[in-house]
Amino acid sequence: MFWPSNTSSVMSNSPRELYGSSSGLL
């Protein structure tokens, strides 16, 4: 339950121009 939904929460709340940075930061 946690892993996919938390990843989805991170990317959904991240601006498109920060997709790479947010993915890397996670």
PDB file of all heavy atoms in Angstrom:
ATOM      1  N   MET A   1       0.824  -1.203   0.000  1.00  0.00           N
ATOM      2  CA  MET A   1       0.000   0.000   0.000  1.00  0.00           C
ATOM      3  C   MET A   1       0.863   1.261   0.000  1.00  0.00           C
ATOM      4  O   MET A   1       0.564   2.233  -0.682  1.00  0.00           O
ATOM      5  CB  MET A   1      -0.923   0.009   1.228  1.00  0.00           C
ATOM      6  CG  MET A   1      -1.911  -1.139   1.270  1.00  0.00           C
ATOM      7  SD  MET A   1      -2.873  -1.173   2.806  1.00  0.00           S
ATOM      8  CE  MET A   1      -3.900   0.280   2.597  1.00  0.00           C
ATOM      9  N   PHE A   2       1.961   1.237   0.760  1.00  0.00           N
ATOM     10  CA  PHE A   2       2.754   2.447   0.936  1.00  0.00           C
ATOM     11  C   PHE A   2       3.589   2.802  -0.283  1.00  0.00           C
ATOM     12  O   PHE A   2       3.544   3.942  -0.762  1.00  0.00           O
ATOM     13  CB  PHE A   2       3.674   2.323   2.149  1.00  0.00           C
ATOM     14  CG  PHE A   2       4.574   3.512   2.322  1.00  0.00           C
ATOM     15  CD1 PHE A   2       4.097   4.695   2.866  1.00  0.00           C
ATOM     16  CD2 PHE A   2       5.902   3.469   1.903  1.00  0.00           C
ATOM     17  CE1 PHE A   2       4.913   5.812   3.010  1.00  0.00           C
ATOM     18  CE2 PHE A   2       6.727   4.570   2.035  1.00  0.00           C
ATOM     19  CZ  PHE A   2       6.232   5.743   2.586  1.00  0.00           C
ATOM     20  N   TRP A   3       4.383   1.868  -0.795  1.00  0.00           N
ATOM     21  CA  TRP A   3       5.371   2.203  -1.820  1.00  0.00           C
ATOM     22  C   TRP A   3       4.776   2.851  -3.080  1.00  0.00           C
ATOM     23  O   TRP A   3       5.195   3.935  -3.468  1.00  0.00           O
ATOM     24  CB  TRP A   3       6.210   0.972  -2.165  1.00  0.00           C
ATOM     25  CG  TRP A   3       7.235   0.657  -1.119  1.00  0.00           C
ATOM     26  CD1 TRP A   3       8.183   1.510  -0.631  1.00  0.00           C
ATOM     27  CD2 TRP A   3       7.387  -0.563  -0.405  1.00  0.00           C
ATOM     28  NE1 TRP A   3       8.939   0.876   0.346  1.00  0.00           N
ATOM     29  CE2 TRP A   3       8.481  -0.396   0.505  1.00  0.00           C
ATOM     30  CE3 TRP A   3       6.732  -1.789  -0.438  1.00  0.00           C
ATOM     31  CZ2 TRP A   3       8.912  -1.406   1.353  1.00  0.00           C
ATOM     32  CZ3 TRP A   3       7.165  -2.801   0.404  1.00  0.00           C
ATOM     33  CH2 TRP A   3       8.243  -2.606   1.288  1.00  0.00           C
ATOM     34  N   PRO A   4       3.795   2.220  -3.742  1.00  0.00           N
ATOM     35  CA  PRO A   4       3.281   2.864  -4.963  1.00  0.00           C
ATOM     36  C   PRO A   4       2.507   4.143  -4.702  1.00  0.00           C
ATOM     37  O   PRO A   4       2.609   5.110  -5.466  1.00  0.00           O
ATOM     38  CB  PRO A   4       2.393   1.779  -5.577  1.00  0.00           C
ATOM     39  CG  PRO A   4       2.006   0.899  -4.447  1.00  0.00           C
ATOM     40  CD  PRO A   4       3.174   0.901  -3.509  1.00  0.00           C
ATOM     41  N   SER A   5       1.722   4.165  -3.624  1.00  0.00           N
ATOM     42  CA  SER A   5       0.903   5.353  -3.354  1.00  0.00           C
ATOM     43  C   SER A   5       1.755   6.543  -2.915  1.00  0.00           C
ATOM     44  O   SER A   5       1.471   7.692  -3.281  1.00  0.00           O
ATOM     45  CB  SER A   5      -0.162   5.043  -2.300  1.00  0.00           C
ATOM     46  OG  SER A   5       0.422   4.522  -1.126  1.00  0.00           O
ATOM     47  N   ASN A   6       2.807   6.295  -2.139  1.00  0.00           N
ATOM     48  CA  ASN A   6       3.670   7.399  -1.739  1.00  0.00           C
ATOM     49  C   ASN A   6       4.421   7.967  -2.938  1.00  0.00           C
ATOM     50  O   ASN A   6       4.571   9.184  -3.073  1.00  0.00           O
ATOM     51  CB  ASN A   6       4.672   6.945  -0.675  1.00  0.00           C
ATOM     52  CG  ASN A   6       5.527   8.081  -0.163  1.00  0.00           C
ATOM     53  OD1 ASN A   6       5.070   8.932   0.597  1.00  0.00           O
ATOM     54  ND2 ASN A   6       6.784   8.120  -0.594  1.00  0.00           N
ATOM     55  N   THR A   7       4.888   7.086  -3.821  1.00  0.00           N
ATOM     56  CA  THR A   7       5.555   7.552  -5.042  1.00  0.00           C
ATOM     57  C   THR A   7       4.598   8.374  -5.887  1.00  0.00           C
ATOM     58  O   THR A   7       4.961   9.425  -6.432  1.00  0.00           O
ATOM     59  CB  THR A   7       6.085   6.371  -5.868  1.00  0.00           C
ATOM     60  OG1 THR A   7       6.972   5.593  -5.064  1.00  0.00           O
ATOM     61  CG2 THR A   7       6.833   6.850  -7.107  1.00  0.00           C
ATOM     62  N   SER A   8       3.366   7.905  -6.001  1.00  0.00           N
ATOM     63  CA  SER A   8       2.354   8.632  -6.756  1.00  0.00           C
ATOM     64  C   SER A   8       2.088   9.998  -6.127  1.00  0.00           C
ATOM     65  O   SER A   8       1.930  11.002  -6.829  1.00  0.00           O
ATOM     66  CB  SER A   8       1.053   7.820  -6.808  1.00  0.00           C
ATOM     67  OG  SER A   8       0.072   8.487  -7.556  1.00  0.00           O
ATOM     68  N   SER A   9       2.069  10.056  -4.792  1.00  0.00           N
ATOM     69  CA  SER A   9       1.847  11.315  -4.083  1.00  0.00           C
ATOM     70  C   SER A   9       2.978  12.302  -4.353  1.00  0.00           C
ATOM     71  O   SER A   9       2.739  13.486  -4.592  1.00  0.00           O
ATOM     72  CB  SER A   9       1.732  11.052  -2.576  1.00  0.00           C
ATOM     73  OG  SER A   9       1.540  12.243  -1.861  1.00  0.00           O
ATOM     74  N   VAL A  10       4.225  11.802  -4.344  1.00  0.00           N
ATOM     75  CA  VAL A  10       5.377  12.665  -4.605  1.00  0.00           C
ATOM     76  C   VAL A  10       5.304  13.250  -6.002  1.00  0.00           C
ATOM     77  O   VAL A  10       5.440  14.462  -6.204  1.00  0.00           O
ATOM     78  CB  VAL A  10       6.703  11.883  -4.424  1.00  0.00           C
ATOM     79  CG1 VAL A  10       7.885  12.695  -4.965  1.00  0.00           C
ATOM     80  CG2 VAL A  10       6.929  11.552  -2.959  1.00  0.00           C
ATOM     81  N   MET A  11       5.100  12.400  -7.002  1.00  0.00           N
ATOM     82  CA  MET A  11       5.127  12.868  -8.383  1.00  0.00           C
ATOM     83  C   MET A  11       3.895  13.700  -8.719  1.00  0.00           C
ATOM     84  O   MET A  11       3.973  14.636  -9.519  1.00  0.00           O
ATOM     85  CB  MET A  11       5.246  11.677  -9.340  1.00  0.00           C
ATOM     86  CG  MET A  11       6.510  10.839  -9.146  1.00  0.00           C
ATOM     87  SD  MET A  11       8.054  11.791  -9.083  1.00  0.00           S
ATOM     88  CE  MET A  11       8.105  12.481 -10.723  1.00  0.00           C
ATOM     89  N   SER A  12       2.752  13.390  -8.121  1.00  0.00           N
ATOM     90  CA  SER A  12       1.529  14.162  -8.390  1.00  0.00           C
ATOM     91  C   SER A  12       1.629  15.581  -7.844  1.00  0.00           C
ATOM     92  O   SER A  12       1.056  16.521  -8.406  1.00  0.00           O
ATOM     93  CB  SER A  12       0.312  13.462  -7.762  1.00  0.00           C
ATOM     94  OG  SER A  12       0.110  12.204  -8.348  1.00  0.00           O
ATOM     95  N   ASN A  13       2.346  15.741  -6.747  1.00  0.00           N
ATOM     96  CA  ASN A  13       2.493  17.057  -6.136  1.00  0.00           C
ATOM     97  C   ASN A  13       3.723  17.809  -6.614  1.00  0.00           C
ATOM     98  O   ASN A  13       4.013  18.909  -6.141  1.00  0.00           O
ATOM     99  CB  ASN A  13       2.556  16.919  -4.602  1.00  0.00           C
ATOM    100  CG  ASN A  13       1.217  16.541  -4.001  1.00  0.00           C
ATOM    101  OD1 ASN A  13       0.250  17.293  -4.100  1.00  0.00           O
ATOM    102  ND2 ASN A  13       1.142  15.366  -3.407  1.00  0.00           N
ATOM    103  N   SER A  14       4.456  17.213  -7.567  1.00  0.00           N
ATOM    104  CA  SER A  14       5.660  17.845  -8.090  1.00  0.00           C
ATOM    105  C   SER A  14       5.363  18.548  -9.405  1.00  0.00           C
ATOM    106  O   SER A  14       4.698  17.996 -10.283  1.00  0.00           O
ATOM    107  CB  SER A  14       6.752  16.786  -8.315  1.00  0.00           C
ATOM    108  OG  SER A  14       7.880  17.352  -8.936  1.00  0.00           O
ATOM    109  N   PRO A  15       5.840  19.797  -9.596  1.00  0.00           N
ATOM    110  CA  PRO A  15       5.694  20.467 -10.888  1.00  0.00           C
ATOM    111  C   PRO A  15       6.442  19.683 -11.971  1.00  0.00           C
ATOM    112  O   PRO A  15       7.467  19.058 -11.694  1.00  0.00           O
ATOM    113  CB  PRO A  15       6.355  21.839 -10.649  1.00  0.00           C
ATOM    114  CG  PRO A  15       6.401  22.008  -9.171  1.00  0.00           C
ATOM    115  CD  PRO A  15       6.527  20.642  -8.602  1.00  0.00           C
ATOM    116  N   ARG A  16       5.931  19.723 -13.205  1.00  0.00           N
ATOM    117  CA  ARG A  16       6.545  18.953 -14.287  1.00  0.00           C
ATOM    118  C   ARG A  16       8.028  19.280 -14.461  1.00  0.00           C
ATOM    119  O   ARG A  16       8.834  18.389 -14.727  1.00  0.00           O
ATOM    120  CB  ARG A  16       5.797  19.204 -15.600  1.00  0.00           C
ATOM    121  CG  ARG A  16       6.398  18.488 -16.808  1.00  0.00           C
ATOM    122  CD  ARG A  16       5.510  18.599 -18.020  1.00  0.00           C
ATOM    123  NE  ARG A  16       4.336  17.766 -17.885  1.00  0.00           N
ATOM    124  CZ  ARG A  16       4.307  16.462 -18.208  1.00  0.00           C
ATOM    125  NH1 ARG A  16       5.403  15.875 -18.647  1.00  0.00           N
ATOM    126  NH2 ARG A  16       3.217  15.768 -18.075  1.00  0.00           N
ATOM    127  N   GLU A  17       8.398  20.568 -14.294  1.00  0.00           N
ATOM    128  CA  GLU A  17       9.810  20.933 -14.490  1.00  0.00           C
ATOM    129  C   GLU A  17      10.710  20.374 -13.394  1.00  0.00           C
ATOM    130  O   GLU A  17      11.941  20.396 -13.518  1.00  0.00           O
ATOM    131  CB  GLU A  17       9.963  22.462 -14.550  1.00  0.00           C
ATOM    132  CG  GLU A  17       9.636  23.206 -13.271  1.00  0.00           C
ATOM    133  CD  GLU A  17       8.166  23.570 -13.143  1.00  0.00           C
ATOM    134  OE1 GLU A  17       7.359  23.017 -13.932  1.00  0.00           O
ATOM    135  OE2 GLU A  17       7.818  24.403 -12.286  1.00  0.00           O
ATOM    136  N   LEU A  18      10.106  19.859 -12.316  1.00  0.00           N
ATOM    137  CA  LEU A  18      10.891  19.272 -11.231  1.00  0.00           C
ATOM    138  C   LEU A  18      10.739  17.754 -11.160  1.00  0.00           C
ATOM    139  O   LEU A  18      11.131  17.139 -10.165  1.00  0.00           O
ATOM    140  CB  LEU A  18      10.471  19.891  -9.888  1.00  0.00           C
ATOM    141  CG  LEU A  18      10.814  21.363  -9.658  1.00  0.00           C
ATOM    142  CD1 LEU A  18      10.318  21.800  -8.286  1.00  0.00           C
ATOM    143  CD2 LEU A  18      12.302  21.592  -9.786  1.00  0.00           C
ATOM    144  N   TYR A  19      10.164  17.132 -12.194  1.00  0.00           N
ATOM    145  CA  TYR A  19       9.980  15.682 -12.184  1.00  0.00           C
ATOM    146  C   TYR A  19      11.291  14.954 -11.891  1.00  0.00           C
ATOM    147  O   TYR A  19      11.371  14.072 -11.039  1.00  0.00           O
ATOM    148  CB  TYR A  19       9.432  15.194 -13.533  1.00  0.00           C
ATOM    149  CG  TYR A  19       7.925  15.247 -13.650  1.00  0.00           C
ATOM    150  CD1 TYR A  19       7.301  14.979 -14.865  1.00  0.00           C
ATOM    151  CD2 TYR A  19       7.121  15.567 -12.553  1.00  0.00           C
ATOM    152  CE1 TYR A  19       5.921  15.037 -15.002  1.00  0.00           C
ATOM    153  CE2 TYR A  19       5.749  15.626 -12.670  1.00  0.00           C
ATOM    154  CZ  TYR A  19       5.141  15.358 -13.899  1.00  0.00           C
ATOM    155  OH  TYR A  19       3.781  15.404 -14.025  1.00  0.00           O
ATOM    156  N   GLY A  20      12.346  15.307 -12.640  1.00  0.00           N
ATOM    157  CA  GLY A  20      13.631  14.640 -12.460  1.00  0.00           C
ATOM    158  C   GLY A  20      14.199  14.885 -11.078  1.00  0.00           C
ATOM    159  O   GLY A  20      14.679  13.963 -10.412  1.00  0.00           O
ATOM    160  N   SER A  21      14.154  16.142 -10.634  1.00  0.00           N
ATOM    161  CA  SER A  21      14.693  16.489  -9.321  1.00  0.00           C
ATOM    162  C   SER A  21      13.909  15.799  -8.204  1.00  0.00           C
ATOM    163  O   SER A  21      14.495  15.287  -7.242  1.00  0.00           O
ATOM    164  CB  SER A  21      14.656  18.007  -9.123  1.00  0.00           C
ATOM    165  OG  SER A  21      15.477  18.652 -10.064  1.00  0.00           O
ATOM    166  N   SER A  22      12.579  15.796  -8.314  1.00  0.00           N
ATOM    167  CA  SER A  22      11.751  15.161  -7.283  1.00  0.00           C
ATOM    168  C   SER A  22      11.956  13.653  -7.252  1.00  0.00           C
ATOM    169  O   SER A  22      12.020  13.040  -6.182  1.00  0.00           O
ATOM    170  CB  SER A  22      10.274  15.486  -7.513  1.00  0.00           C
ATOM    171  OG  SER A  22      10.039  16.868  -7.391  1.00  0.00           O
ATOM    172  N   SER A  23      12.064  13.058  -8.437  1.00  0.00           N
ATOM    173  CA  SER A  23      12.324  11.620  -8.524  1.00  0.00           C
ATOM    174  C   SER A  23      13.658  11.292  -7.880  1.00  0.00           C
ATOM    175  O   SER A  23      13.779  10.353  -7.092  1.00  0.00           O
ATOM    176  CB  SER A  23      12.320  11.178  -9.994  1.00  0.00           C
ATOM    177  OG  SER A  23      12.705   9.823 -10.121  1.00  0.00           O
ATOM    178  N   GLY A  24      14.679  12.081  -8.203  1.00  0.00           N
ATOM    179  CA  GLY A  24      15.996  11.862  -7.616  1.00  0.00           C
ATOM    180  C   GLY A  24      16.006  12.110  -6.124  1.00  0.00           C
ATOM    181  O   GLY A  24      16.636  11.372  -5.360  1.00  0.00           O
ATOM    182  N   LEU A  25      15.296  13.151  -5.679  1.00  0.00           N
ATOM    183  CA  LEU A  25      15.251  13.477  -4.257  1.00  0.00           C
ATOM    184  C   LEU A  25      14.560  12.368  -3.468  1.00  0.00           C
ATOM    185  O   LEU A  25      14.999  12.009  -2.369  1.00  0.00           O
ATOM    186  CB  LEU A  25      14.515  14.805  -4.052  1.00  0.00           C
ATOM    187  CG  LEU A  25      14.436  15.334  -2.618  1.00  0.00           C
ATOM    188  CD1 LEU A  25      15.827  15.474  -2.015  1.00  0.00           C
ATOM    189  CD2 LEU A  25      13.702  16.674  -2.592  1.00  0.00           C
ATOM    190  N   LEU A  26      13.495  11.803  -4.030  1.00  0.00           N
ATOM    191  CA  LEU A  26      12.800  10.695  -3.371  1.00  0.00           C
ATOM    192  C   LEU A  26      13.745   9.526  -3.178  1.00  0.00           C
ATOM    193  O   LEU A  26      13.823   8.933  -2.090  1.00  0.00           O
ATOM    194  CB  LEU A  26      11.588  10.259  -4.212  1.00  0.00           C
ATOM    195  CG  LEU A  26      10.846   9.005  -3.726  1.00  0.00           C
ATOM    196  CD1 LEU A  26      10.289   9.222  -2.320  1.00  0.00           C
ATOM    197  CD2 LEU A  26       9.743   8.628  -4.702  1.00  0.00           C
TER     198      LEU A  26
END
